[in-house]
């Protein structure tokens, strides 16, 4: 047992932005357990979702590759001719963990399998809309224990599948039930000869915002929302205030659930031999720039929490290097002392996390989005064009966000913008870039974007170099 590898506990929430945590002092949310955890962790303060949408980030998390490289240019959904899913042929993090002697488990939202309604109008599992039962086998990508679903947002009355099409309906808030099961799993596997690797995927605070337990909402129903300056007056309505309070209440509820797990690790002597990660798949606009939800290049959608802790091994510190979605898999594997597959396209930040300094850390990262709605895809196809050449792509550095926008509908005017977080923290005054701009900084961004596009075989129509 002396040579036993560390356990892995990777917890991530859906649509949880980096600003919605107490220690940041930005959103009016109280998260005492997460704040304490952050103070004892390596806080990766510049972690971003490469493609701020559920399926694409999750695919990158599992494979260490860019979303387009694995065919995840939109969510796993119905209504598209192409069936979007994480293909079993990909080498995923649980495959590597299992091959190296780990007991592997996954609890919560998966959203990496094609919806069952793409194949049959009446699934035996009862899956509806974008949901799917992923049966035992290769589509579970190396996870042995399985308590999951594709995607369904009924947070107060969730359902799950294990190894049969029969639904499990616990009748309680999804994050609470998933935490119950996570604690059961850790209790069952903590003393095994092999280490465990457990991923827990909470769906809240993803919309519908109102599906939050009354006990949490009662604490927030009268709180001042503290609108960010980039939320226009037109969005600051009583209805929006209610949504914001519901969102913050859900995050507070997650903190309570996280506290249960955090205390368990402490009380059962698991802090030293467990690499614990807390993160999210993307953020939430909540009215900023007159937008809701995600899938846009602004900080509120891109910026995610990322905290990594292993007591006695990782010195608590802030790491400011850019951390992209494909970086999670190689970083976690290297921190566990496991081989990183050559298929990974992301960068391992293990050195910077372990030492606080990494002279080779990337100075930029790729960000992207592709038209994914069925009507958009059809509109481009009707004109003999590929929708995959449109949407937006960009480069993010610690200071700048460079965006090249081709539009989501045929005929939209292309734009290039540059945002400077040093002089314009809330991204309200971007510089519009002319097509013939020869500024050295812009040329550098264009060149770097071209390199990322070529690396992935991305067909984006780019007017730069």
Protein backbone atom coordinates (compact mmCIF):
# COMPACT_ATOMS: atom_id res chain seq x y z
CA UNK A 1 0.00 0.00 0.00
CA UNK A 2 3.03 2.28 0.45
CA UNK A 3 3.32 2.79 -3.31
CA UNK A 4 -0.40 3.34 -3.83
CA UNK A 5 -1.14 6.20 -6.19
CA UNK A 6 -3.23 9.13 -4.95
CA UNK A 7 -6.98 8.90 -5.26
CA UNK A 8 -8.67 11.36 -7.61
CA UNK A 9 -11.85 13.27 -6.80
CA UNK A 10 -12.89 15.61 -9.62
CA UNK A 11 -16.04 17.66 -8.93
CA UNK A 12 -17.44 20.07 -11.48
CA UNK A 13 -20.64 22.10 -11.75
CA UNK A 14 -22.51 23.14 -14.87
CA UNK A 15 -22.75 26.81 -15.83
CA UNK A 16 -20.90 28.00 -12.71
CA UNK A 17 -18.92 31.13 -13.45
CA UNK A 18 -15.68 32.03 -11.72
CA UNK A 19 -17.19 35.22 -10.32
CA UNK A 20 -19.84 33.30 -8.34
CA UNK A 21 -17.72 32.23 -5.40
CA UNK A 22 -17.40 34.10 -2.15
CA UNK A 23 -13.64 34.64 -2.02
CA UNK A 24 -13.73 36.51 -5.35
CA UNK A 25 -15.82 39.29 -3.81
CA UNK A 26 -17.72 39.88 -7.05
CA UNK A 27 -21.08 38.10 -7.07
CA UNK A 28 -23.23 38.26 -3.90
CA UNK A 29 -22.91 34.60 -3.02
CA UNK A 30 -21.71 32.93 0.16
CA UNK A 31 -19.52 29.85 -0.30
CA UNK A 32 -17.61 29.33 2.97
CA UNK A 33 -16.59 25.72 2.27
CA UNK A 34 -15.34 26.48 -1.22
CA UNK A 35 -13.53 29.55 0.12
CA UNK A 36 -11.76 27.43 2.72
CA UNK A 37 -10.92 24.80 0.14
CA UNK A 38 -9.47 27.48 -2.14
CA UNK A 39 -7.29 28.77 0.68
CA UNK A 40 -5.82 25.30 1.04
CA UNK A 41 -5.47 24.67 -2.70
CA UNK A 42 -3.63 25.70 -5.79
CA UNK A 43 -6.08 28.21 -7.24
CA UNK A 44 -5.77 28.38 -11.02
CA UNK A 45 -7.18 31.88 -11.37
CA UNK A 46 -6.95 32.02 -15.17
CA UNK A 47 -8.89 28.87 -16.07
CA UNK A 48 -11.25 29.24 -19.03
CA UNK A 49 -13.60 27.11 -21.05
CA UNK A 50 -12.17 26.79 -24.56
CA UNK A 51 -15.67 26.36 -25.99
CA UNK A 52 -18.14 27.62 -23.35
CA UNK A 53 -20.83 25.00 -23.91
CA UNK A 54 -21.55 21.75 -22.06
CA UNK A 55 -20.62 18.97 -24.48
CA UNK A 56 -17.53 20.61 -26.01
CA UNK A 57 -15.86 21.35 -22.67
CA UNK A 58 -16.76 17.92 -21.30
CA UNK A 59 -15.26 16.28 -24.37
CA UNK A 60 -12.04 18.24 -23.88
CA UNK A 61 -11.99 17.36 -20.20
CA UNK A 62 -12.27 13.66 -20.98
CA UNK A 63 -9.82 13.52 -23.91
CA UNK A 64 -7.35 16.39 -23.51
CA UNK A 65 -8.21 17.42 -27.07
CA UNK A 66 -9.89 20.43 -28.67
CA UNK A 67 -13.64 20.05 -29.24
CA UNK A 68 -13.39 20.26 -33.03
CA UNK A 69 -10.66 17.60 -33.03
CA UNK A 70 -13.14 15.12 -31.57
CA UNK A 71 -16.14 16.23 -33.61
CA UNK A 72 -17.90 18.02 -30.74
CA UNK A 73 -18.72 21.28 -32.49
CA UNK A 74 -22.01 21.60 -30.57
CA UNK A 75 -23.97 19.85 -27.83
CA UNK A 76 -25.12 16.25 -28.11
CA UNK A 77 -28.65 16.98 -29.28
CA UNK A 78 -31.51 15.92 -31.53
CA UNK A 79 -32.48 17.48 -34.86
CA UNK A 80 -29.08 17.39 -36.58
CA UNK A 81 -28.21 15.07 -39.43
CA UNK A 82 -24.81 14.49 -37.81
CA UNK A 83 -25.07 12.53 -34.56
CA UNK A 84 -22.89 14.37 -32.06
CA UNK A 85 -21.22 12.17 -29.42
CA UNK A 86 -17.87 11.36 -27.84
CA UNK A 87 -16.71 8.44 -29.94
CA UNK A 88 -15.60 5.26 -28.14
CA UNK A 89 -12.38 5.26 -30.17
CA UNK A 90 -11.07 8.29 -28.26
CA UNK A 91 -8.53 7.75 -25.49
CA UNK A 92 -10.16 9.23 -22.40
CA UNK A 93 -8.90 9.99 -18.94
CA UNK A 94 -10.81 7.10 -17.34
CA UNK A 95 -9.29 4.69 -19.87
CA UNK A 96 -5.84 5.76 -18.69
CA UNK A 97 -6.82 5.64 -15.02
CA UNK A 98 -8.31 2.16 -15.36
CA UNK A 99 -5.29 0.85 -17.28
CA UNK A 100 -3.10 2.09 -14.43
CA UNK A 101 -4.97 0.28 -11.69
CA UNK A 102 -7.67 2.73 -10.64
CA UNK A 103 -11.24 1.97 -9.67
CA UNK A 104 -13.19 4.47 -11.77
CA UNK A 105 -16.59 6.05 -11.18
CA UNK A 106 -18.83 8.71 -12.70
CA UNK A 107 -21.83 10.35 -11.02
CA UNK A 108 -24.14 12.98 -12.51
CA UNK A 109 -24.61 14.66 -15.86
CA UNK A 110 -22.67 13.13 -18.77
CA UNK A 111 -23.91 14.86 -21.95
CA UNK A 112 -21.38 13.08 -24.16
CA UNK A 113 -23.61 10.43 -25.70
CA UNK A 114 -25.99 10.98 -28.62
CA UNK A 115 -29.62 11.33 -27.49
CA UNK A 116 -31.58 8.12 -27.81
CA UNK A 117 -34.34 9.88 -29.75
CA UNK A 118 -31.84 10.15 -32.61
CA UNK A 119 -32.22 6.40 -33.06
CA UNK A 120 -35.65 5.37 -31.81
CA UNK A 121 -38.89 7.25 -31.04
CA UNK A 122 -39.57 5.15 -27.95
CA UNK A 123 -36.39 4.35 -25.98
CA UNK A 124 -36.73 1.52 -23.49
CA UNK A 125 -35.03 3.77 -20.93
CA UNK A 126 -37.68 6.45 -21.25
CA UNK A 127 -35.09 9.03 -22.28
CA UNK A 128 -36.64 12.17 -23.77
CA UNK A 129 -35.34 15.15 -25.72
CA UNK A 130 -31.51 15.30 -25.48
CA UNK A 131 -31.29 12.63 -22.80
CA UNK A 132 -29.63 9.22 -23.11
CA UNK A 133 -29.00 6.06 -21.13
CA UNK A 134 -25.39 5.05 -21.80
CA UNK A 135 -25.24 1.26 -21.37
CA UNK A 136 -22.25 -0.57 -19.91
CA UNK A 137 -19.44 -0.83 -22.42
CA UNK A 138 -17.13 1.26 -24.52
CA UNK A 139 -19.31 4.39 -24.59
CA UNK A 140 -18.66 4.80 -20.86
CA UNK A 141 -15.07 5.55 -21.79
CA UNK A 142 -13.40 3.55 -19.01
CA UNK A 143 -15.74 4.34 -16.11
CA UNK A 144 -16.79 1.24 -14.17
CA UNK A 145 -19.21 2.57 -11.56
CA UNK A 146 -21.90 4.58 -13.31
CA UNK A 147 -24.81 6.62 -11.97
CA UNK A 148 -25.59 9.09 -14.69
CA UNK A 149 -27.86 10.47 -17.39
CA UNK A 150 -27.29 12.28 -20.67
CA UNK A 151 -28.86 15.65 -20.02
CA UNK A 152 -32.06 16.55 -18.22
CA UNK A 153 -32.56 19.73 -16.25
CA UNK A 154 -35.26 18.77 -13.75
CA UNK A 155 -32.99 19.49 -10.79
CA UNK A 156 -35.70 18.91 -8.17
CA UNK A 157 -36.89 15.57 -9.57
CA UNK A 158 -33.90 14.08 -11.39
CA UNK A 159 -33.47 10.61 -12.81
CA UNK A 160 -30.42 8.41 -13.33
CA UNK A 161 -29.39 5.11 -14.83
CA UNK A 162 -26.92 2.54 -13.59
CA UNK A 163 -26.49 -0.62 -15.65
CA UNK A 164 -30.04 -1.18 -16.88
CA UNK A 165 -32.60 1.00 -18.70
CA UNK A 166 -34.65 1.25 -15.51
CA UNK A 167 -34.71 4.82 -14.22
CA UNK A 168 -33.69 5.70 -10.67
CA UNK A 169 -35.72 8.61 -9.29
CA UNK A 170 -34.51 9.71 -5.83
CA UNK A 171 -36.99 12.58 -5.42
CA UNK A 172 -34.46 15.09 -4.11
CA UNK A 173 -32.31 17.94 -5.46
CA UNK A 174 -29.87 16.44 -7.93
CA UNK A 175 -26.73 17.88 -6.34
CA UNK A 176 -27.73 16.55 -2.92
CA UNK A 177 -28.44 13.05 -4.22
CA UNK A 178 -25.22 12.96 -6.24
CA UNK A 179 -23.29 14.03 -3.15
CA UNK A 180 -24.98 11.22 -1.18
CA UNK A 181 -23.83 8.72 -3.78
CA UNK A 182 -20.35 10.21 -4.00
CA UNK A 183 -19.89 9.78 -0.25
CA UNK A 184 -21.14 6.20 -0.51
CA UNK A 185 -18.66 5.52 -3.29
CA UNK A 186 -15.71 7.00 -1.42
CA UNK A 187 -16.65 5.08 1.71
CA UNK A 188 -16.80 1.84 -0.26
CA UNK A 189 -13.49 2.35 -2.10
CA UNK A 190 -11.29 4.36 0.28
CA UNK A 191 -9.66 1.30 1.85
CA UNK A 192 -9.33 -0.79 -1.29
CA UNK A 193 -5.92 -1.90 -2.49
CA UNK A 194 -6.40 0.07 -5.70
CA UNK A 195 -6.93 3.85 -5.59
CA UNK A 196 -10.21 5.35 -6.75
CA UNK A 197 -10.91 8.01 -9.36
CA UNK A 198 -14.36 9.54 -9.03
CA UNK A 199 -15.87 12.28 -11.21
CA UNK A 200 -18.94 14.08 -9.86
CA UNK A 201 -20.84 16.29 -12.32
CA UNK A 202 -23.42 18.56 -10.68
CA UNK A 203 -25.97 20.08 -13.08
CA UNK A 204 -26.93 23.17 -11.00
CA UNK A 205 -26.64 26.14 -11.25
CA UNK A 206 -27.57 25.42 -14.90
CA UNK A 207 -31.02 26.71 -15.82
CA UNK A 208 -33.95 26.40 -15.13
CA UNK A 209 -32.84 28.79 -12.41
CA UNK A 210 -36.06 28.43 -10.44
CA UNK A 211 -35.45 24.73 -9.73
CA UNK A 212 -33.53 25.36 -6.54
CA UNK A 213 -34.59 24.12 -3.10
CA UNK A 214 -36.68 26.61 -1.12
CA UNK A 215 -34.29 26.38 1.82
CA UNK A 216 -31.50 27.92 -0.26
CA UNK A 217 -33.65 30.44 -2.08
CA UNK A 218 -35.07 31.76 1.19
CA UNK A 219 -31.56 32.89 2.11
CA UNK A 220 -31.23 34.91 -1.10
CA UNK A 221 -34.72 36.11 -1.99
CA UNK A 222 -34.16 39.57 -0.49
CA UNK A 223 -30.46 39.99 -1.25
CA UNK A 224 -29.15 42.88 -3.28
CA UNK A 225 -28.09 41.48 -6.66
CA UNK A 226 -25.11 43.87 -7.17
CA UNK A 227 -25.42 44.03 -10.95
CA UNK A 228 -22.15 44.05 -12.84
CA UNK A 229 -21.59 47.36 -14.70
CA UNK A 230 -21.94 45.58 -18.06
CA UNK A 231 -25.55 44.56 -17.32
CA UNK A 232 -27.65 47.19 -19.15
CA UNK A 233 -30.60 48.86 -17.49
CA UNK A 234 -32.97 47.00 -19.80
CA UNK A 235 -31.93 43.73 -18.12
CA UNK A 236 -32.23 44.96 -14.54
CA UNK A 237 -35.84 43.93 -14.10
CA UNK A 238 -37.57 42.29 -11.14
CA UNK A 239 -37.73 39.06 -13.15
CA UNK A 240 -33.99 39.17 -13.77
CA UNK A 241 -33.31 39.92 -10.10
CA UNK A 242 -35.24 36.77 -9.22
CA UNK A 243 -33.23 34.69 -11.68
CA UNK A 244 -29.97 36.04 -10.33
CA UNK A 245 -30.97 35.28 -6.76
CA UNK A 246 -32.00 31.76 -7.78
CA UNK A 247 -28.66 31.27 -9.50
CA UNK A 248 -26.69 32.46 -6.47
CA UNK A 249 -28.87 30.37 -4.17
CA UNK A 250 -28.06 27.27 -6.22
CA UNK A 251 -24.32 28.00 -5.94
CA UNK A 252 -24.76 28.40 -2.18
CA UNK A 253 -26.49 25.01 -2.16
CA UNK A 254 -23.57 23.48 -4.03
CA UNK A 255 -21.24 24.90 -1.39
CA UNK A 256 -23.21 23.09 1.31
CA UNK A 257 -22.96 19.83 -0.66
CA UNK A 258 -19.28 20.40 -1.30
CA UNK A 259 -18.78 20.97 2.41
CA UNK A 260 -20.13 17.49 3.12
CA UNK A 261 -17.49 15.93 0.89
CA UNK A 262 -14.74 18.24 2.09
CA UNK A 263 -15.43 17.40 5.73
CA UNK A 264 -15.55 13.70 4.92
CA UNK A 265 -12.08 13.82 3.38
CA UNK A 266 -10.75 15.57 6.49
CA UNK A 267 -12.51 13.31 8.99
CA UNK A 268 -11.42 10.11 7.26
CA UNK A 269 -7.75 10.87 6.71
CA UNK A 270 -8.07 11.20 2.94
CA UNK A 271 -6.61 14.68 2.45
CA UNK A 272 -3.02 13.54 1.94
CA UNK A 273 -3.72 10.73 -0.49
CA UNK A 274 -6.48 12.34 -2.58
CA UNK A 275 -6.03 14.82 -5.39
CA UNK A 276 -9.23 16.86 -5.12
CA UNK A 277 -10.33 19.16 -7.95
CA UNK A 278 -13.23 21.62 -8.00
CA UNK A 279 -14.22 23.29 -11.27
CA UNK A 280 -16.98 23.91 -13.84
CA UNK A 281 -17.62 23.40 -17.55
CA UNK A 282 -18.39 27.04 -18.41
CA UNK A 283 -19.89 30.18 -16.93
CA UNK A 284 -23.14 32.15 -17.08
CA UNK A 285 -23.75 35.63 -18.53
CA UNK A 286 -26.69 36.52 -16.21
CA UNK A 287 -27.54 39.72 -18.06
CA UNK A 288 -24.05 40.96 -18.85
CA UNK A 289 -23.93 42.51 -22.34
CA UNK A 290 -27.72 41.89 -22.45
CA UNK A 291 -27.14 38.13 -22.66
CA UNK A 292 -28.08 35.04 -20.69
CA UNK A 293 -26.48 31.62 -20.54
CA UNK A 294 -23.12 30.95 -22.30
CA UNK A 295 -21.51 30.20 -25.70
CA UNK A 296 -20.00 33.65 -26.12
CA UNK A 297 -16.48 35.05 -25.68
CA UNK A 298 -17.10 37.27 -22.67
CA UNK A 299 -15.49 36.62 -19.29
CA UNK A 300 -18.77 35.72 -17.61
CA UNK A 301 -19.18 32.76 -19.99
CA UNK A 302 -15.54 31.72 -20.39
CA UNK A 303 -14.05 32.12 -16.93
CA UNK A 304 -14.43 29.09 -14.64
CA UNK A 305 -13.29 28.21 -11.12
CA UNK A 306 -10.45 25.72 -10.83
CA UNK A 307 -8.97 24.65 -7.50
CA UNK A 308 -6.66 21.67 -6.99
CA UNK A 309 -5.72 20.33 -3.57
CA UNK A 310 -3.63 17.56 -2.06
CA UNK A 311 -2.63 18.29 1.51
CA UNK A 312 1.07 17.97 2.24
CA UNK A 313 2.01 17.83 -1.43
CA UNK A 314 0.54 20.85 -3.21
CA UNK A 315 1.46 24.16 -1.59
CA UNK A 316 -1.51 26.54 -1.55
CA UNK A 317 -0.86 29.32 -4.03
CA UNK A 318 -2.36 31.20 -6.94
CA UNK A 319 -1.27 30.11 -10.41
CA UNK A 320 -2.04 32.71 -13.08
CA UNK A 321 -1.01 30.84 -16.21
CA UNK A 322 -3.79 30.30 -18.75
CA UNK A 323 -5.56 26.98 -18.24
CA UNK A 324 -7.67 25.77 -21.19
CA UNK A 325 -10.22 22.95 -21.38
CA UNK A 326 -7.85 20.44 -23.03
CA UNK A 327 -5.31 21.05 -20.25
CA UNK A 328 -7.31 19.30 -17.51
CA UNK A 329 -6.59 15.70 -18.55
CA UNK A 330 -2.80 15.96 -19.01
CA UNK A 331 -2.44 18.05 -15.85
CA UNK A 332 -4.42 15.65 -13.67
CA UNK A 333 -2.66 12.59 -15.06
CA UNK A 334 0.79 14.06 -14.51
CA UNK A 335 -0.11 15.13 -10.97
CA UNK A 336 -1.12 11.51 -10.31
CA UNK A 337 2.19 10.27 -11.72
CA UNK A 338 0.52 8.62 -14.71
CA UNK A 339 1.50 8.68 -18.39
CA UNK A 340 -0.08 11.33 -20.60
CA UNK A 341 -1.26 9.86 -23.92
CA UNK A 342 0.25 11.32 -27.08
CA UNK A 343 -3.31 12.00 -28.25
CA UNK A 344 -3.63 14.86 -25.76
CA UNK A 345 -3.50 18.29 -27.38
CA UNK A 346 -3.61 20.23 -24.11
CA UNK A 347 -0.77 21.38 -21.90
CA UNK A 348 0.10 19.85 -18.53
CA UNK A 349 0.35 22.51 -15.84
CA UNK A 350 1.66 20.02 -13.29
CA UNK A 351 5.05 21.75 -13.02
CA UNK A 352 3.53 25.15 -12.29
CA UNK A 353 1.07 23.65 -9.81
CA UNK A 354 3.84 21.75 -8.02
CA UNK A 355 6.49 24.47 -8.03
CA UNK A 356 4.62 27.72 -8.60
CA UNK A 357 6.63 28.49 -11.70
CA UNK A 358 6.66 27.13 -15.24
CA UNK A 359 8.69 29.00 -17.83
CA UNK A 360 7.12 26.94 -20.63
CA UNK A 361 3.48 27.58 -19.74
CA UNK A 362 1.37 28.83 -22.67
CA UNK A 363 0.97 32.58 -22.97
CA UNK A 364 -2.27 32.25 -24.90
CA UNK A 365 -5.17 29.87 -25.48
CA UNK A 366 -7.66 29.16 -28.25
CA UNK A 367 -11.37 29.96 -27.77
CA UNK A 368 -14.18 29.06 -30.16
CA UNK A 369 -17.82 28.48 -31.00
CA UNK A 370 -19.58 27.00 -34.05
CA UNK A 371 -23.18 27.40 -35.25
CA UNK A 372 -25.01 24.49 -33.67
CA UNK A 373 -28.73 25.05 -34.04
CA UNK A 374 -30.46 22.89 -36.64
CA UNK A 375 -31.92 25.87 -38.48
CA UNK A 376 -28.47 27.48 -38.70
CA UNK A 377 -26.91 24.33 -40.09
CA UNK A 378 -29.73 24.01 -42.63
CA UNK A 379 -29.43 27.66 -43.70
CA UNK A 380 -25.76 27.23 -44.55
CA UNK A 381 -26.35 23.89 -46.26
CA UNK A 382 -29.06 25.45 -48.42
CA UNK A 383 -26.46 27.87 -49.76
CA UNK A 384 -23.89 25.11 -50.31
CA UNK A 385 -21.79 26.34 -47.38
CA UNK A 386 -20.49 24.55 -44.28
CA UNK A 387 -21.66 26.02 -40.99
CA UNK A 388 -18.40 24.86 -39.43
CA UNK A 389 -16.60 27.73 -41.16
CA UNK A 390 -18.67 30.25 -39.19
CA UNK A 391 -19.35 31.26 -35.62
CA UNK A 392 -16.36 32.81 -33.89
CA UNK A 393 -12.79 31.93 -32.97
CA UNK A 394 -10.28 33.79 -30.90
CA UNK A 395 -7.17 34.00 -28.80
CA UNK A 396 -7.09 34.75 -25.09
CA UNK A 397 -4.08 35.96 -23.15
CA UNK A 398 -3.87 37.09 -19.54
CA UNK A 399 -4.63 40.65 -20.68
CA UNK A 400 -6.31 40.48 -24.10
CA UNK A 401 -9.19 38.69 -25.78
CA UNK A 402 -8.95 38.72 -29.57
CA UNK A 403 -12.14 37.64 -31.39
CA UNK A 404 -12.81 37.01 -35.07
CA UNK A 405 -16.56 36.74 -35.70
CA UNK A 406 -18.07 35.28 -38.88
CA UNK A 407 -21.66 35.20 -37.68
CA UNK A 408 -24.21 32.47 -37.03
CA UNK A 409 -26.43 33.19 -40.02
CA UNK A 410 -25.40 33.38 -43.71
CA UNK A 411 -24.69 36.94 -44.77
CA UNK A 412 -23.68 38.40 -41.42
CA UNK A 413 -20.87 40.94 -41.52
CA UNK A 414 -17.53 39.61 -40.23
CA UNK A 415 -15.88 41.48 -37.37
CA UNK A 416 -12.60 41.47 -35.49
CA UNK A 417 -12.43 42.85 -31.96
CA UNK A 418 -9.76 43.24 -29.32
CA UNK A 419 -10.67 43.51 -25.64
CA UNK A 420 -8.16 44.79 -23.08
CA UNK A 421 -8.97 43.62 -19.56
CA UNK A 422 -6.38 45.96 -18.09
CA UNK A 423 -8.15 49.11 -19.29
CA UNK A 424 -11.66 47.68 -19.77
CA UNK A 425 -12.28 45.04 -17.10
CA UNK A 426 -15.95 44.57 -18.00
CA UNK A 427 -15.27 44.35 -21.76
CA UNK A 428 -17.57 47.19 -22.67
CA UNK A 429 -15.36 49.06 -25.17
CA UNK A 430 -13.64 46.67 -27.58
CA UNK A 431 -11.45 47.98 -30.36
CA UNK A 432 -12.91 47.25 -33.81
CA UNK A 433 -10.13 45.98 -36.07
CA UNK A 434 -10.09 46.96 -39.74
CA UNK A 435 -9.42 44.21 -42.33
CA UNK A 436 -6.27 46.00 -43.53
CA UNK A 437 -4.91 46.54 -40.00
CA UNK A 438 -1.13 46.07 -39.93
CA UNK A 439 -0.58 46.65 -36.22
CA UNK A 440 2.09 44.21 -35.06
CA UNK A 441 0.03 43.07 -32.08
CA UNK A 442 -2.98 42.27 -34.27
CA UNK A 443 -0.79 40.51 -36.82
CA UNK A 444 0.56 38.41 -33.98
CA UNK A 445 -2.93 37.40 -32.89
CA UNK A 446 -3.92 36.58 -36.46
CA UNK A 447 -0.84 34.44 -36.94
CA UNK A 448 -1.44 32.57 -33.69
CA UNK A 449 -5.09 31.98 -34.54
CA UNK A 450 -4.10 30.55 -37.91
CA UNK A 451 -1.76 28.11 -36.13
CA UNK A 452 -4.55 26.88 -33.89
CA UNK A 453 -6.95 26.52 -36.84
CA UNK A 454 -4.41 24.56 -38.86
CA UNK A 455 -3.63 22.32 -35.89
CA UNK A 456 -7.26 21.23 -35.67
CA UNK A 457 -8.19 21.28 -39.35
CA UNK A 458 -10.75 23.95 -38.52
CA UNK A 459 -12.35 25.32 -41.76
CA UNK A 460 -13.05 28.76 -40.27
CA UNK A 461 -13.10 31.44 -42.96
CA UNK A 462 -10.43 33.76 -41.64
CA UNK A 463 -9.41 37.01 -43.27
CA UNK A 464 -6.15 37.14 -41.35
CA UNK A 465 -2.80 35.61 -42.33
